[in-house]
Amino acid sequence: MKRLPFILLTLLTSNLVFSQYWQQQADYTVNVTLNDKAHTLKGDIRIEYTNNSPDKLDFIWFHLWPNAYKDNKTAFAKQILRDKDGKSRLKAIRDKGYIEDLEFTVDGGKANTEADPENIDVIKVILPKSLASGQKIVIKTPFTVHIPTYSSRSGHLDQSYIICQWYPKPAVYDRKGWHQFPYLDQGEFYSEFGSFAVNITVPAAYVVGATGELQNADELAAYKSIGTNNNDSTKVIRHYTANGNAPTKTLAYKAANVHDFAWFADKDFVIRYDTARLSENTTIDVFTYGYETGTESWKRSVSFVEDAVRHYSSWLGEYPWPVAQAVEGPKNVMSGGMEYPMITLITSPGADDAKMDAVITHEVGHNWFYGILASNERQHAWMDEGLNSYFQFRYEAEKYRANSIFGDAIPAELKTAPIDQFMNSIYGAMLQLPMEEAIETPSPDFTSKDGYALVEYIKTAAWVYILENVLGKETVDQAFKSYYAEWKFKHPYPEDFKKHLEKAAGQNIDQLWALLNKKGKFD
């Protein structure tokens, strides 16, 4: 065998290595203090950023999500103004949101920044020197966030705080380039995995729920004790101050293998707590945070979270984190929910048990589709919303013979039918709904929220049901399990999911896959 020249051999080897999957790493240390009089957050952030790409980087794009609420010229505001109630909704945001006091440094030296010409919630941090493949840097900055009136996903209502998309965050750089998009109300997120160590200082009377494990032993023990009482008793314990007469407390949280961190704080939270055993070697903590005067069905919220985690673990793969949590939205404003790793916000006023269970299950299910399988939600919304809805509908059907889309319109006789007949009827009705756009449509390209929901949630779930009928339920289940096993804590794209479907089916599925780009009803 003729020996290849050394340089050619090196190039071939290099290309072989870099053709394999890679993703960037962002590890965070954050200190933040809540001022509940001024409704501000003041803090500092340290990000250890590792360049695992084959490319050298001369800059890093950052999201400055709070700036989306700063004025009526942002991408968020322009999108809201398309809606009928857009002007009144923007007017209702009395406290405008923004982030300031940013002074970026890289490895201790000052870093210059460049504003994005179109979006004030996106900024380019120029690196003092190129970041080579395999190298890491430490990025630091102080920051102050002015918390907006709650309207979209983050904000406050008086002294109830929903703190989401709140810190400077590196945009994703993956095999398809940078993804430095602005904040939108319709259209979600895409973030790098890493670890978080977050220290949150709040007035002592607040109860806090957050991504990750609470490190304060006294506070955690009190939450568990109070939560157990409230989960088992009709007489709830509401107020709690761990530090006696101290004016503030600092709560420390740690989380690994997550790509976002959210937290919620309220002096009136009612804590509920239990444990959930998922397997012989795995037991997790389950907390929920609600209100004494909240929705009646919230009293059973812990059991709903537990059941959701157990079902998704059996269908896809075991829940990988030590805690699962849900938060009842303050005053039950808006409707639905919003998910974050290990914790989710639920806003479903007046929901009965089945409806509350369905919403909690959908949002808890996002721990898998978005939290663990971290696809680009802005570009491929169906990969989180639609795939998740398929499993939500499965959960509702098995447990209640119910479906959130049709609610009370489901005939009584159908509710007593065998599960296969029930599902066939439900999906048959779904396929008659006016779902004009193709599933593979980026979130911002939908002209209405109704159109977005019909296609990305319902049409996608119906497509998976078609896969199930053509390929077989066991085949589809096998594909989902292998997809989860290979892509957990990574950034899968549609073609990655397709490979698992074809491997499980043992055949080409191009015709079925083409339905993702089909406008109108499926034939």
Foldseek 3Di string as FASTA:
>chain_A
DDDDPPVVVVVVVVVVVQVDFDWKAWAKEKEWEADLVQQKIWIKMKIKIAAQHQDKDQKFKKFFQQCQQADCQAPANVLLVLDPCSVVLNVVFVFGKGKDQWFKDKQRHGWDKDADPRHNRMIMTGDPDIHHNGGIIMMMTIMMMRFIPDRAQFHDDNRKGWFFSHDIATFTQGPVGTDGDHDYSFFDAFFAFYKYKYKYKYFQFKDKDKAADWPPPQNVVVLAVQQCCLLPDPDHDFTDGRPPPDGMDIIIGIDHLWGTMIMIMDSGWTKHWDWAAQDPPAIAIEIETEHPPAAPLCSCVRVLLNVLQNLCCVLANHDDGRAAYEYEDVVLPDAAWAEGARYIYGRHGHDDNLVSSLRSSLRSLLCQQCTFQNARCQQQVLSRQAVSLLVSQVVSCVPFLADPVCGPVDDPVLRPDPSVSSVVVVLVVLLPDWQFAFNRGGRVPDSDPVNSCSRSHRVSSSLVVVLCVVQNVVLSSQLSRVLSVVRTSHYDDPVSSLVSSCVSSVHHDVVSVCSNHDGTGDD
